[in-house]
Amino acid sequence: MTLEACAVLTSSESGSSLWPHRLAVVLACATFPLIWVGGLVTTYDAGMAVPDWPSTYGYNLFAYPLAKWWAGPWDLFIEHGHRLLGAMVGMLALALLASAFASRCSRRLRIMAVVAVVLVVFQGLLGGARVIANARTLAQIHGCVGPAFFAYCVVLAAAFSRSWRCREHRTHDASSVRKLRRLSTITAVLTYTQLVLGSGIRHVPVMASANHFRVLVVFHLLGAMLLAVHVVLLAIAAVRGKPKLWSLNHGPVLLALLVAMQLVLGVSTWVVNFGWPAWFDSFAFAANYTILAAGFWPAIIVTSHVAMGSLILALAVLACVNAWRLQAFSGGALSGGGPALDSAIKGGLA
């Protein structure tokens, strides 16, 4: 009966356009470089390289002379490039919305496309307000909303795929799904909390006390250790779990590998910004180390740490969403057919 359910869902969408899914994937892929460039803007403290908004030195955003942008100062280059990338992501979100309403997408998917447009507009307004008010707090909020939007785009790309409703139409062990749901939810919350703490460190107020910075760093370190342990537990539970799905088995394993890389990037970020800890002075490489302000490779390391955090958040949220969705199909409710199966099929086609 599970194969029949999948066939019903697949055949019902056979006449629908593939463009919504394609555009959702492109939207997610375009948002990640936007996160990268936004991280570079903060790393180089280039948020006010262009003092006006929505124009660029009085020019329309798209009419700013290429020669002035391409051959201009580095901070102007990345700030204006960040605006252009943001505009492109906004247009992709609008294209996805138009495609979703023009095709046979479900009402739920159309609402999700509308939310994507609302989020990208809100993020753009936050970026503009940050420039107009020249406020570090708004820059921090802007930096926290961006990764959340990227995570939403990744979930959106998965939701528009044809396999989104097919692959869970199998028999699942209810206890395994509940455990994965609990672990993945806590992982997603911990990941975003870490991201907020990290943004606080990057946007620490100029007049903040040393204790303020120290507290943020300590909580960020404790959060990193807690997240690392929790991701390992999630990966172990996923590998041993009964639902044999890529998103719930291999996904958490990939997430654990990314967290391990993030820990290395986190240590590297501290070293390039503040040097080696005092107890490393006995080693020649630490004693002779020189901090390079705004150096190319230090900036790449710091920005990679930021971008990796966004990628980890996206995978954690995707695993969480998948686990919560499978909860409705767990316990073998679909294997025997009946009202539960009919309700699931109708819900997928709504």
Protein backbone atom coordinates (compact mmCIF):
# COMPACT_ATOMS: atom_id res chain seq x y z
CA MET A 1 0.00 0.00 0.00
CA THR A 2 2.94 2.34 0.56
CA LEU A 3 4.02 2.06 -3.08
CA GLU A 4 0.46 2.81 -4.17
CA ALA A 5 0.43 5.94 -2.03
CA CYS A 6 3.65 7.12 -3.62
CA ALA A 7 2.27 6.39 -7.08
CA VAL A 8 -0.85 8.43 -6.37
CA LEU A 9 1.21 11.42 -5.29
CA THR A 10 3.64 11.15 -8.19
CA SER A 11 0.96 10.78 -10.85
CA SER A 12 -1.00 13.72 -9.45
CA GLU A 13 2.03 15.97 -9.97
CA SER A 14 3.19 14.54 -13.29
CA GLY A 15 1.68 17.45 -15.16
CA SER A 16 3.08 20.12 -12.89
CA SER A 17 6.01 22.28 -13.91
CA LEU A 18 9.53 21.55 -12.72
CA TRP A 19 10.35 25.26 -12.62
CA PRO A 20 9.24 25.94 -9.03
CA HIS A 21 11.67 23.32 -7.75
CA ARG A 22 14.45 24.52 -10.03
CA LEU A 23 13.97 28.12 -8.97
CA ALA A 24 13.85 27.12 -5.30
CA VAL A 25 17.19 25.32 -5.69
CA VAL A 26 18.72 28.31 -7.50
CA LEU A 27 17.37 30.62 -4.79
CA ALA A 28 19.06 28.56 -2.05
CA CYS A 29 22.31 28.34 -4.04
CA ALA A 30 22.31 32.11 -4.64
CA THR A 31 21.63 32.91 -0.99
CA PHE A 32 24.77 31.16 0.25
CA PRO A 33 27.17 33.46 -1.66
CA LEU A 34 25.10 36.37 -0.34
CA ILE A 35 25.85 35.13 3.19
CA TRP A 36 29.53 34.91 2.26
CA VAL A 37 29.77 38.44 0.90
CA GLY A 38 27.73 39.78 3.81
CA GLY A 39 30.24 38.15 6.14
CA LEU A 40 33.08 39.84 4.24
CA VAL A 41 31.34 43.19 4.65
CA THR A 42 31.33 42.74 8.43
CA THR A 43 34.86 41.31 8.52
CA TYR A 44 36.24 44.35 6.70
CA ASP A 45 33.90 46.73 8.57
CA ALA A 46 32.59 47.90 5.19
CA GLY A 47 28.94 48.30 6.14
CA MET A 48 29.08 52.06 5.64
CA ALA A 49 31.27 52.02 2.53
CA VAL A 50 28.17 53.23 0.67
CA PRO A 51 26.52 55.85 2.92
CA ASP A 52 23.18 56.08 1.11
CA TRP A 53 20.36 53.62 0.44
CA PRO A 54 18.65 52.38 -1.72
CA SER A 55 20.86 54.36 -4.09
CA THR A 56 24.63 54.01 -4.36
CA TYR A 57 26.28 57.43 -4.16
CA GLY A 58 23.20 58.91 -5.78
CA TYR A 59 23.05 56.36 -8.59
CA ASN A 60 20.35 53.79 -9.08
CA LEU A 61 21.56 50.48 -7.64
CA PHE A 62 21.81 48.87 -11.08
CA ALA A 63 23.11 52.00 -12.84
CA TYR A 64 26.19 52.54 -10.69
CA PRO A 65 29.13 52.75 -13.13
CA LEU A 66 30.93 49.43 -13.44
CA ALA A 67 34.33 51.14 -13.62
CA LYS A 68 33.77 52.90 -10.28
CA TRP A 69 32.60 49.69 -8.67
CA TRP A 70 35.02 47.19 -10.19
CA ALA A 71 38.10 49.38 -9.86
CA GLY A 72 37.03 51.15 -6.69
CA PRO A 73 38.13 50.56 -3.10
CA TRP A 74 37.73 47.03 -1.75
CA ASP A 75 35.17 47.99 0.89
CA LEU A 76 33.02 49.71 -1.76
CA PHE A 77 33.38 46.68 -4.03
CA ILE A 78 32.11 44.16 -1.49
CA GLU A 79 29.37 46.42 -0.08
CA HIS A 80 27.90 47.28 -3.50
CA GLY A 81 28.36 43.66 -4.59
CA HIS A 82 26.43 42.58 -1.52
CA ARG A 83 23.57 44.86 -2.55
CA LEU A 84 23.56 43.50 -6.09
CA LEU A 85 23.51 39.92 -4.82
CA GLY A 86 20.68 40.80 -2.46
CA ALA A 87 18.68 42.29 -5.34
CA MET A 88 19.29 39.15 -7.41
CA VAL A 89 18.07 36.92 -4.56
CA GLY A 90 14.98 39.12 -4.25
CA MET A 91 14.22 38.73 -7.95
CA LEU A 92 14.69 34.97 -7.72
CA ALA A 93 12.21 34.87 -4.83
CA LEU A 94 9.70 36.80 -6.95
CA ALA A 95 10.30 34.43 -9.87
CA LEU A 96 9.69 31.46 -7.59
CA LEU A 97 6.46 33.03 -6.35
CA ALA A 98 5.23 33.63 -9.89
CA SER A 99 6.19 30.10 -10.92
CA ALA A 100 4.46 28.59 -7.89
CA PHE A 101 1.18 30.34 -8.69
CA ALA A 102 1.46 29.57 -12.41
CA SER A 103 1.97 25.83 -11.86
CA ARG A 104 -0.02 23.12 -10.07
CA CYS A 105 1.70 23.67 -6.75
CA SER A 106 -0.28 23.08 -3.59
CA ARG A 107 -1.69 25.94 -1.55
CA ARG A 108 0.86 25.24 1.18
CA LEU A 109 3.78 25.56 -1.22
CA ARG A 110 2.40 28.81 -2.58
CA ILE A 111 2.18 30.19 0.94
CA MET A 112 5.78 29.15 1.53
CA ALA A 113 6.81 31.03 -1.62
CA VAL A 114 4.98 34.13 -0.36
CA VAL A 115 6.81 33.86 2.97
CA ALA A 116 10.14 33.70 1.10
CA VAL A 117 9.36 37.00 -0.64
CA VAL A 118 8.30 38.61 2.64
CA LEU A 119 11.50 37.45 4.35
CA VAL A 120 13.82 38.68 1.60
CA VAL A 121 12.08 42.07 1.54
CA PHE A 122 12.33 42.30 5.33
CA GLN A 123 16.04 41.45 5.18
CA GLY A 124 16.60 44.07 2.50
CA LEU A 125 14.84 46.70 4.59
CA LEU A 126 16.95 45.73 7.60
CA GLY A 127 20.09 46.23 5.53
CA GLY A 128 18.85 49.61 4.34
CA ALA A 129 17.90 50.70 7.85
CA ARG A 130 21.34 49.68 9.06
CA VAL A 131 22.90 52.09 6.53
CA ILE A 132 20.48 54.96 7.11
CA ALA A 133 20.70 54.76 10.92
CA ASN A 134 24.36 53.61 10.95
CA ALA A 135 23.42 51.29 13.83
CA ARG A 136 25.51 48.26 14.84
CA THR A 137 22.46 46.69 16.50
CA LEU A 138 20.61 46.65 13.19
CA ALA A 139 23.72 45.20 11.56
CA GLN A 140 23.66 42.39 14.11
CA ILE A 141 19.96 41.69 13.52
CA HIS A 142 20.59 41.79 9.78
CA GLY A 143 23.39 39.25 10.26
CA CYS A 144 21.10 36.93 12.24
CA VAL A 145 18.14 37.06 9.86
CA GLY A 146 20.29 36.22 6.82
CA PRO A 147 21.23 32.67 7.94
CA ALA A 148 17.63 32.04 9.02
CA PHE A 149 16.47 33.02 5.53
CA PHE A 150 19.09 30.74 3.98
CA ALA A 151 17.87 27.84 6.12
CA TYR A 152 14.31 28.58 5.01
CA CYS A 153 15.42 28.55 1.35
CA VAL A 154 17.04 25.13 1.81
CA VAL A 155 13.82 23.76 3.31
CA LEU A 156 11.89 25.43 0.49
CA ALA A 157 14.03 23.72 -2.15
CA ALA A 158 13.36 20.36 -0.49
CA ALA A 159 9.63 21.07 -0.16
CA PHE A 160 9.26 21.79 -3.87
CA SER A 161 10.90 18.51 -4.88
CA ARG A 162 8.66 15.70 -6.12
CA SER A 163 10.26 13.22 -3.76
CA TRP A 164 9.35 15.38 -0.72
CA ARG A 165 6.04 13.56 -0.20
CA CYS A 166 7.00 10.21 -1.72
CA ARG A 167 10.00 9.18 0.28
CA GLU A 168 8.36 9.04 3.69
CA HIS A 169 5.54 6.74 2.55
CA ARG A 170 7.10 3.73 4.18
CA THR A 171 6.81 1.97 7.49
CA HIS A 172 8.67 3.80 10.24
CA ASP A 173 9.45 3.04 13.83
CA ALA A 174 7.63 5.63 15.95
CA SER A 175 10.20 5.65 18.78
CA SER A 176 13.10 6.21 16.34
CA VAL A 177 11.30 9.09 14.68
CA ARG A 178 10.43 10.69 18.03
CA LYS A 179 14.05 10.45 19.16
CA LEU A 180 15.31 11.99 15.92
CA ARG A 181 12.69 14.72 16.19
CA ARG A 182 13.76 15.62 19.71
CA LEU A 183 17.49 15.55 18.98
CA SER A 184 17.20 17.46 15.70
CA THR A 185 15.00 20.15 17.28
CA ILE A 186 17.47 20.76 20.10
CA THR A 187 20.32 20.78 17.57
CA ALA A 188 18.61 23.43 15.45
CA VAL A 189 17.94 25.60 18.52
CA LEU A 190 21.53 25.24 19.75
CA THR A 191 22.89 26.07 16.30
CA TYR A 192 20.91 29.28 16.00
CA THR A 193 21.79 30.26 19.57
CA GLN A 194 25.46 29.82 18.67
CA LEU A 195 24.94 31.98 15.61
CA VAL A 196 23.37 34.75 17.69
CA LEU A 197 26.22 34.61 20.22
CA GLY A 198 28.75 34.74 17.40
CA SER A 199 27.04 37.78 15.91
CA GLY A 200 27.25 39.44 19.31
CA ILE A 201 31.02 38.89 19.31
CA ARG A 202 31.39 40.28 15.78
CA HIS A 203 29.17 43.29 16.46
CA VAL A 204 30.22 43.99 20.03
CA PRO A 205 29.47 47.67 20.87
CA VAL A 206 32.47 49.99 20.77
CA MET A 207 31.85 51.15 24.33
CA ALA A 208 31.22 47.65 25.70
CA SER A 209 33.27 46.56 28.69
CA ALA A 210 35.85 43.79 28.59
CA ASN A 211 33.56 41.66 30.75
CA HIS A 212 30.77 41.99 28.18
CA PHE A 213 33.03 40.56 25.47
CA ARG A 214 34.43 37.91 27.82
CA VAL A 215 30.96 36.65 28.77
CA LEU A 216 29.96 36.35 25.12
CA VAL A 217 33.10 34.39 24.31
CA VAL A 218 32.67 32.03 27.27
CA PHE A 219 29.06 31.27 26.38
CA HIS A 220 30.03 30.81 22.73
CA LEU A 221 32.69 28.29 23.72
CA LEU A 222 30.34 26.41 26.04
CA GLY A 223 27.69 26.41 23.33
CA ALA A 224 30.20 25.03 20.82
CA MET A 225 31.07 22.11 23.09
CA LEU A 226 27.43 21.41 23.85
CA LEU A 227 26.50 21.55 20.17
CA ALA A 228 29.37 19.27 19.19
CA VAL A 229 28.31 16.62 21.71
CA HIS A 230 24.66 16.91 20.70
CA VAL A 231 25.40 16.62 16.98
CA VAL A 232 27.38 13.43 17.62
CA LEU A 233 24.42 12.01 19.55
CA LEU A 234 22.11 12.99 16.68
CA ALA A 235 24.39 11.34 14.11
CA ILE A 236 24.57 8.12 16.16
CA ALA A 237 20.80 8.05 16.59
CA ALA A 238 20.31 8.70 12.88
CA VAL A 239 22.63 5.89 11.80
CA ARG A 240 20.97 3.44 14.19
CA GLY A 241 17.44 4.65 13.46
CA LYS A 242 14.88 2.63 11.52
CA PRO A 243 13.85 5.26 8.89
CA LYS A 244 16.45 4.73 6.18
CA LEU A 245 16.24 8.13 4.54
CA TRP A 246 19.16 10.24 3.36
CA SER A 247 17.92 13.36 5.16
CA LEU A 248 17.55 11.54 8.48
CA ASN A 249 20.58 9.22 8.28
CA HIS A 250 23.34 10.72 6.15
CA GLY A 251 22.22 14.30 6.78
CA PRO A 252 23.11 14.32 10.51
CA VAL A 253 26.40 12.54 9.75
CA LEU A 254 27.28 15.31 7.29
CA LEU A 255 26.16 17.81 9.91
CA ALA A 256 28.59 16.29 12.44
CA LEU A 257 31.46 16.56 9.94
CA LEU A 258 30.63 20.22 9.28
CA VAL A 259 30.54 20.95 13.01
CA ALA A 260 34.01 19.39 13.35
CA MET A 261 35.24 21.68 10.56
CA GLN A 262 33.52 24.60 12.26
CA LEU A 263 35.40 23.94 15.49
CA VAL A 264 38.69 24.13 13.59
CA LEU A 265 37.56 27.33 11.88
CA GLY A 266 36.49 28.74 15.25
CA VAL A 267 39.94 28.17 16.78
CA SER A 268 41.56 29.61 13.64
CA THR A 269 39.30 32.65 13.81
CA TRP A 270 40.38 33.35 17.37
CA VAL A 271 44.07 32.97 16.46
CA VAL A 272 43.96 35.32 13.44
CA ASN A 273 42.03 37.91 15.45
CA PHE A 274 43.66 37.71 18.88
CA GLY A 275 46.72 35.48 18.54
CA TRP A 276 47.61 32.25 20.31
CA PRO A 277 46.75 31.79 24.00
CA ALA A 278 49.47 32.74 26.47
CA TRP A 279 50.29 29.11 27.33
CA PHE A 280 51.43 28.55 23.71
CA ASP A 281 54.27 31.05 24.02
CA SER A 282 56.74 28.25 24.62
CA PHE A 283 56.25 27.16 21.01
CA ALA A 284 58.16 29.10 18.36
CA PHE A 285 55.24 29.24 15.92
CA ALA A 286 53.08 30.94 18.58
CA ALA A 287 55.74 33.24 20.01
CA ASN A 288 56.64 34.58 16.55
CA TYR A 289 53.07 34.87 15.30
CA THR A 290 51.98 38.31 14.08
CA ILE A 291 48.36 39.35 13.78
CA LEU A 292 47.65 40.81 10.33
CA ALA A 293 44.87 43.38 10.50
CA ALA A 294 42.45 42.96 7.57
CA GLY A 295 44.76 40.46 5.89
CA PHE A 296 43.35 38.40 3.02
CA TRP A 297 43.68 34.93 4.54
CA PRO A 298 42.59 35.99 8.03
CA ALA A 299 39.49 37.56 6.46
CA ILE A 300 38.79 34.36 4.52
CA ILE A 301 39.12 32.25 7.69
CA VAL A 302 36.82 34.49 9.72
CA THR A 303 34.22 34.72 6.96
CA SER A 304 34.38 30.96 6.38
CA HIS A 305 33.53 30.50 10.05
CA VAL A 306 30.46 32.69 9.56
CA ALA A 307 29.38 30.98 6.34
CA MET A 308 29.90 27.52 7.79
CA GLY A 309 27.61 28.45 10.68
CA SER A 310 24.87 29.31 8.20
CA LEU A 311 25.35 26.02 6.36
CA ILE A 312 25.20 24.07 9.62
CA LEU A 313 22.01 25.90 10.57
CA ALA A 314 20.42 25.06 7.21
CA LEU A 315 21.19 21.34 7.54
CA ALA A 316 20.06 21.27 11.17
CA VAL A 317 16.75 22.94 10.31
CA LEU A 318 16.24 20.60 7.34
CA ALA A 319 16.82 17.55 9.54
CA CYS A 320 14.44 18.99 12.13
CA VAL A 321 11.69 19.65 9.57
CA ASN A 322 12.06 16.16 8.08
CA ALA A 323 11.84 14.55 11.51
CA TRP A 324 8.71 16.48 12.43
CA ARG A 325 7.08 15.60 9.12
CA LEU A 326 7.82 11.91 9.52
CA GLN A 327 6.23 11.92 12.96
CA ALA A 328 2.85 12.01 11.22
CA PHE A 329 3.77 8.88 9.27
CA SER A 330 5.44 6.89 12.04
CA GLY A 331 4.21 3.83 13.85
CA GLY A 332 3.28 2.01 10.66
CA ALA A 333 0.16 4.12 10.18
CA LEU A 334 0.76 4.14 6.45
CA SER A 335 1.59 0.52 6.01
CA GLY A 336 -1.91 -0.69 6.58
CA GLY A 337 -3.80 1.87 4.56
CA GLY A 338 -7.17 3.03 5.83
CA PRO A 339 -8.13 6.53 6.98
CA ALA A 340 -4.62 7.45 8.08
CA LEU A 341 -3.27 6.76 4.60
CA ASP A 342 -6.12 8.55 2.85
CA SER A 343 -5.63 11.56 5.10
CA ALA A 344 -1.90 11.61 4.42
CA ILE A 345 -2.42 11.47 0.64
CA LYS A 346 -5.05 14.20 0.71
CA GLY A 347 -2.82 16.33 2.91
CA GLY A 348 0.02 15.95 0.44
CA LEU A 349 -2.17 16.97 -2.48
CA ALA A 350 -3.91 19.88 -0.73
